[in-house]
Amino acid sequence: MTLDTVWLIIGFLGQGVFFMRWVVQWIASERHAESRIPTAFWYMSLLGGLITLAYAIYRQDPVFIAGQSIGSVVYLRNLMLIYRSNPADSPKTSTATKS
C-alpha cells in the first residue's frame, strides 16, 4: 500500500464522518418531530473537518484547506457556545439543541 493510497483512505474517512453527521441530525429531528441539531453533529463536523483538512494539506490544495480551516473554527465555536450555555452538561448528558 502506497502513501498516496493511505491518504486517499484518510480523505474518504473524513468525508464519511462528515456525511454521517447529517444522518445523526436527521435521526434526532425525526425522534423529536422537529428540527434538532444534537451536540454529536458538531463533534462529527469537527472530526470530519479536521480529518479532511489533514488530507487537503497533504494534497496541498489551498482552496480545500481554506474551506476546511474556516469550517473547523465554526464547529469548534458552536461547541464552545453549547457548553457555555449549559455548563452543567457533559458530552454524555447534552442531547440536542433546537435549530
N, C-alpha and C. Protein backbone atom coordinates (compact mmCIF):
# COMPACT_ATOMS: atom_id res chain seq x y z
N MET A 1 0.85 -1.18 0.00
CA MET A 1 0.00 0.00 0.00
C MET A 1 0.90 1.24 0.00
N THR A 2 0.64 2.14 -0.92
CA THR A 2 1.47 3.34 -1.05
C THR A 2 0.97 4.43 -0.10
N LEU A 3 1.81 5.43 0.09
CA LEU A 3 1.44 6.57 0.92
C LEU A 3 0.22 7.28 0.34
N ASP A 4 0.17 7.42 -0.97
CA ASP A 4 -0.99 8.06 -1.61
C ASP A 4 -2.28 7.29 -1.32
N THR A 5 -2.21 5.97 -1.31
CA THR A 5 -3.38 5.16 -1.02
C THR A 5 -3.85 5.35 0.42
N VAL A 6 -2.90 5.41 1.34
CA VAL A 6 -3.23 5.65 2.75
C VAL A 6 -3.93 7.00 2.89
N TRP A 7 -3.41 8.03 2.26
CA TRP A 7 -4.02 9.35 2.34
C TRP A 7 -5.38 9.40 1.66
N LEU A 8 -5.55 8.63 0.61
CA LEU A 8 -6.86 8.55 -0.04
C LEU A 8 -7.88 7.93 0.92
N ILE A 9 -7.48 6.90 1.64
CA ILE A 9 -8.35 6.28 2.64
C ILE A 9 -8.68 7.28 3.74
N ILE A 10 -7.68 8.03 4.19
CA ILE A 10 -7.91 9.06 5.21
C ILE A 10 -8.91 10.11 4.71
N GLY A 11 -8.74 10.53 3.47
CA GLY A 11 -9.66 11.51 2.88
C GLY A 11 -11.09 11.00 2.83
N PHE A 12 -11.26 9.74 2.42
CA PHE A 12 -12.61 9.15 2.39
C PHE A 12 -13.17 8.96 3.80
N LEU A 13 -12.32 8.63 4.76
CA LEU A 13 -12.76 8.51 6.14
C LEU A 13 -13.31 9.85 6.63
N GLY A 14 -12.58 10.92 6.38
CA GLY A 14 -13.03 12.25 6.78
C GLY A 14 -14.37 12.61 6.15
N GLN A 15 -14.51 12.32 4.87
CA GLN A 15 -15.77 12.61 4.18
C GLN A 15 -16.90 11.74 4.73
N GLY A 16 -16.58 10.50 5.10
CA GLY A 16 -17.59 9.61 5.67
C GLY A 16 -18.10 10.11 7.01
N VAL A 17 -17.18 10.53 7.88
CA VAL A 17 -17.58 11.09 9.18
C VAL A 17 -18.40 12.36 8.96
N PHE A 18 -17.95 13.19 8.03
CA PHE A 18 -18.64 14.43 7.73
C PHE A 18 -20.05 14.16 7.22
N PHE A 19 -20.22 13.14 6.38
CA PHE A 19 -21.54 12.79 5.86
C PHE A 19 -22.44 12.24 6.97
N MET A 20 -21.90 11.40 7.83
CA MET A 20 -22.70 10.76 8.87
C MET A 20 -23.30 11.75 9.86
N ARG A 21 -22.71 12.94 9.95
CA ARG A 21 -23.29 13.95 10.86
C ARG A 21 -24.71 14.30 10.43
N TRP A 22 -24.97 14.28 9.13
CA TRP A 22 -26.32 14.59 8.63
C TRP A 22 -27.29 13.48 8.99
N VAL A 23 -26.82 12.24 9.00
CA VAL A 23 -27.66 11.12 9.41
C VAL A 23 -28.04 11.28 10.88
N VAL A 24 -27.06 11.64 11.72
CA VAL A 24 -27.30 11.86 13.14
C VAL A 24 -28.33 12.98 13.33
N GLN A 25 -28.18 14.06 12.58
CA GLN A 25 -29.11 15.19 12.69
C GLN A 25 -30.51 14.78 12.24
N TRP A 26 -30.60 14.03 11.18
CA TRP A 26 -31.89 13.58 10.65
C TRP A 26 -32.60 12.69 11.67
N ILE A 27 -31.88 11.74 12.25
CA ILE A 27 -32.48 10.85 13.25
C ILE A 27 -32.97 11.64 14.46
N ALA A 28 -32.16 12.57 14.95
CA ALA A 28 -32.56 13.39 16.09
C ALA A 28 -33.82 14.21 15.77
N SER A 29 -33.88 14.76 14.58
CA SER A 29 -35.05 15.55 14.19
C SER A 29 -36.29 14.68 14.08
N GLU A 30 -36.15 13.49 13.51
CA GLU A 30 -37.29 12.59 13.39
C GLU A 30 -37.79 12.15 14.77
N ARG A 31 -36.90 11.88 15.69
CA ARG A 31 -37.30 11.45 17.03
C ARG A 31 -38.08 12.52 17.77
N HIS A 32 -37.76 13.78 17.50
CA HIS A 32 -38.44 14.89 18.19
C HIS A 32 -39.52 15.56 17.35
N ALA A 33 -39.68 15.10 16.13
CA ALA A 33 -40.68 15.65 15.20
C ALA A 33 -40.49 17.16 14.99
N GLU A 34 -39.24 17.60 15.06
CA GLU A 34 -38.88 18.98 14.78
C GLU A 34 -37.39 19.02 14.47
N SER A 35 -36.96 20.09 13.86
CA SER A 35 -35.54 20.20 13.50
C SER A 35 -34.68 20.30 14.76
N ARG A 36 -33.71 19.41 14.88
CA ARG A 36 -32.79 19.38 16.01
C ARG A 36 -31.37 19.21 15.50
N ILE A 37 -30.44 19.83 16.21
CA ILE A 37 -29.02 19.63 15.91
C ILE A 37 -28.38 19.13 17.20
N PRO A 38 -28.15 17.83 17.29
CA PRO A 38 -27.54 17.28 18.51
C PRO A 38 -26.07 17.68 18.62
N THR A 39 -25.58 17.66 19.84
CA THR A 39 -24.17 18.00 20.07
C THR A 39 -23.25 17.09 19.27
N ALA A 40 -23.66 15.83 19.09
CA ALA A 40 -22.86 14.88 18.31
C ALA A 40 -22.63 15.39 16.88
N PHE A 41 -23.58 16.14 16.34
CA PHE A 41 -23.45 16.71 14.99
C PHE A 41 -22.21 17.60 14.92
N TRP A 42 -22.02 18.43 15.95
CA TRP A 42 -20.88 19.36 15.94
C TRP A 42 -19.56 18.63 16.16
N TYR A 43 -19.57 17.61 17.02
CA TYR A 43 -18.36 16.81 17.19
C TYR A 43 -17.98 16.10 15.90
N MET A 44 -18.97 15.54 15.23
CA MET A 44 -18.70 14.84 13.96
C MET A 44 -18.26 15.82 12.88
N SER A 45 -18.84 17.01 12.89
CA SER A 45 -18.42 18.05 11.95
C SER A 45 -16.96 18.40 12.16
N LEU A 46 -16.59 18.61 13.43
CA LEU A 46 -15.21 18.97 13.74
C LEU A 46 -14.25 17.84 13.39
N LEU A 47 -14.57 16.62 13.79
CA LEU A 47 -13.70 15.48 13.50
C LEU A 47 -13.57 15.24 12.00
N GLY A 48 -14.69 15.21 11.30
CA GLY A 48 -14.65 15.02 9.84
C GLY A 48 -13.92 16.15 9.14
N GLY A 49 -14.15 17.38 9.61
CA GLY A 49 -13.48 18.53 9.02
C GLY A 49 -11.97 18.50 9.23
N LEU A 50 -11.54 18.10 10.44
CA LEU A 50 -10.10 18.05 10.71
C LEU A 50 -9.41 16.92 9.93
N ILE A 51 -10.08 15.78 9.82
CA ILE A 51 -9.51 14.69 9.02
C ILE A 51 -9.41 15.11 7.56
N THR A 52 -10.46 15.74 7.06
CA THR A 52 -10.45 16.20 5.68
C THR A 52 -9.42 17.32 5.48
N LEU A 53 -9.24 18.16 6.49
CA LEU A 53 -8.21 19.21 6.43
C LEU A 53 -6.82 18.59 6.33
N ALA A 54 -6.57 17.54 7.10
CA ALA A 54 -5.27 16.86 7.01
C ALA A 54 -5.04 16.33 5.60
N TYR A 55 -6.07 15.76 5.01
CA TYR A 55 -5.97 15.26 3.64
C TYR A 55 -5.69 16.41 2.67
N ALA A 56 -6.40 17.53 2.85
CA ALA A 56 -6.22 18.69 1.97
C ALA A 56 -4.80 19.25 2.09
N ILE A 57 -4.26 19.26 3.30
CA ILE A 57 -2.89 19.73 3.50
C ILE A 57 -1.92 18.80 2.78
N TYR A 58 -2.14 17.49 2.91
CA TYR A 58 -1.29 16.53 2.21
C TYR A 58 -1.34 16.76 0.70
N ARG A 59 -2.54 17.03 0.18
CA ARG A 59 -2.72 17.25 -1.27
C ARG A 59 -2.25 18.66 -1.69
N GLN A 60 -1.99 19.52 -0.71
CA GLN A 60 -1.57 20.90 -0.95
C GLN A 60 -2.58 21.66 -1.81
N ASP A 61 -3.85 21.55 -1.43
CA ASP A 61 -4.93 22.21 -2.14
C ASP A 61 -5.38 23.43 -1.34
N PRO A 62 -4.95 24.64 -1.73
CA PRO A 62 -5.25 25.84 -0.93
C PRO A 62 -6.74 26.15 -0.81
N VAL A 63 -7.54 25.85 -1.81
CA VAL A 63 -8.98 26.11 -1.74
C VAL A 63 -9.62 25.19 -0.70
N PHE A 64 -9.30 23.93 -0.76
CA PHE A 64 -9.80 22.92 0.15
C PHE A 64 -9.31 23.20 1.58
N ILE A 65 -8.07 23.61 1.72
CA ILE A 65 -7.50 23.93 3.03
C ILE A 65 -8.24 25.11 3.65
N ALA A 66 -8.47 26.15 2.88
CA ALA A 66 -9.17 27.34 3.39
C ALA A 66 -10.58 26.99 3.83
N GLY A 67 -11.29 26.24 3.02
CA GLY A 67 -12.67 25.87 3.36
C GLY A 67 -12.76 25.04 4.61
N GLN A 68 -11.91 24.03 4.74
CA GLN A 68 -11.94 23.16 5.90
C GLN A 68 -11.44 23.87 7.16
N SER A 69 -10.49 24.76 7.01
CA SER A 69 -9.98 25.51 8.16
C SER A 69 -11.06 26.39 8.76
N ILE A 70 -11.73 27.14 7.92
CA ILE A 70 -12.79 28.04 8.38
C ILE A 70 -13.94 27.24 8.99
N GLY A 71 -14.31 26.15 8.33
CA GLY A 71 -15.38 25.30 8.85
C GLY A 71 -15.06 24.77 10.24
N SER A 72 -13.83 24.33 10.43
CA SER A 72 -13.43 23.78 11.73
C SER A 72 -13.54 24.81 12.83
N VAL A 73 -13.22 26.06 12.54
CA VAL A 73 -13.36 27.14 13.53
C VAL A 73 -14.84 27.30 13.90
N VAL A 74 -15.71 27.25 12.92
CA VAL A 74 -17.15 27.40 13.17
C VAL A 74 -17.67 26.24 14.04
N TYR A 75 -17.24 25.02 13.73
CA TYR A 75 -17.71 23.86 14.51
C TYR A 75 -17.23 23.95 15.95
N LEU A 76 -15.98 24.33 16.14
CA LEU A 76 -15.42 24.48 17.47
C LEU A 76 -16.16 25.57 18.24
N ARG A 77 -16.45 26.67 17.58
CA ARG A 77 -17.17 27.77 18.22
C ARG A 77 -18.57 27.34 18.64
N ASN A 78 -19.25 26.58 17.82
CA ASN A 78 -20.58 26.10 18.19
C ASN A 78 -20.51 25.21 19.43
N LEU A 79 -19.51 24.35 19.51
CA LEU A 79 -19.34 23.53 20.71
C LEU A 79 -19.07 24.39 21.94
N MET A 80 -18.26 25.42 21.78
CA MET A 80 -17.99 26.34 22.89
C MET A 80 -19.28 27.01 23.35
N LEU A 81 -20.10 27.45 22.43
CA LEU A 81 -21.37 28.10 22.77
C LEU A 81 -22.32 27.15 23.47
N ILE A 82 -22.36 25.91 23.02
CA ILE A 82 -23.22 24.90 23.65
C ILE A 82 -22.82 24.72 25.10
N TYR A 83 -21.51 24.55 25.34
CA TYR A 83 -21.06 24.30 26.71
C TYR A 83 -21.10 25.54 27.58
N ARG A 84 -21.00 26.71 26.98
CA ARG A 84 -21.12 27.94 27.76
C ARG A 84 -22.55 28.13 28.25
N SER A 85 -23.53 27.80 27.41
CA SER A 85 -24.92 27.98 27.80
C SER A 85 -25.42 26.87 28.71
N ASN A 86 -24.73 25.72 28.72
CA ASN A 86 -25.11 24.58 29.55
C ASN A 86 -23.90 24.08 30.33
N PRO A 87 -23.38 24.86 31.27
CA PRO A 87 -22.14 24.45 31.94
C PRO A 87 -22.26 23.16 32.73
N ALA A 88 -23.45 22.79 33.18
CA ALA A 88 -23.62 21.56 33.94
C ALA A 88 -23.65 20.33 33.03
N ASP A 89 -23.89 20.55 31.74
CA ASP A 89 -23.97 19.43 30.80
C ASP A 89 -22.59 18.88 30.49
N SER A 90 -22.52 17.60 30.39
CA SER A 90 -21.31 16.94 29.91
C SER A 90 -21.64 16.37 28.55
N PRO A 91 -20.66 15.90 27.78
CA PRO A 91 -20.96 15.33 26.47
C PRO A 91 -21.98 14.19 26.53
N LYS A 92 -22.04 13.46 27.65
CA LYS A 92 -22.98 12.34 27.76
C LYS A 92 -24.40 12.81 28.02
N THR A 93 -24.58 13.97 28.68
CA THR A 93 -25.92 14.41 29.04
C THR A 93 -26.47 15.47 28.09
N SER A 94 -25.62 16.11 27.33
CA SER A 94 -26.10 17.12 26.39
C SER A 94 -26.65 16.43 25.16
N THR A 95 -27.97 16.43 24.99
CA THR A 95 -28.59 15.64 23.92
C THR A 95 -28.80 16.42 22.64
N ALA A 96 -29.39 17.59 22.72
CA ALA A 96 -29.70 18.29 21.48
C ALA A 96 -30.00 19.75 21.75
N THR A 97 -29.80 20.54 20.70
CA THR A 97 -30.20 21.93 20.72
C THR A 97 -31.11 22.15 19.54
N LYS A 98 -32.13 22.98 19.72
CA LYS A 98 -33.03 23.27 18.61
C LYS A 98 -32.34 24.14 17.60
N SER A 99 -32.72 23.98 16.35
CA SER A 99 -32.18 24.86 15.31
C SER A 99 -33.28 25.71 14.74
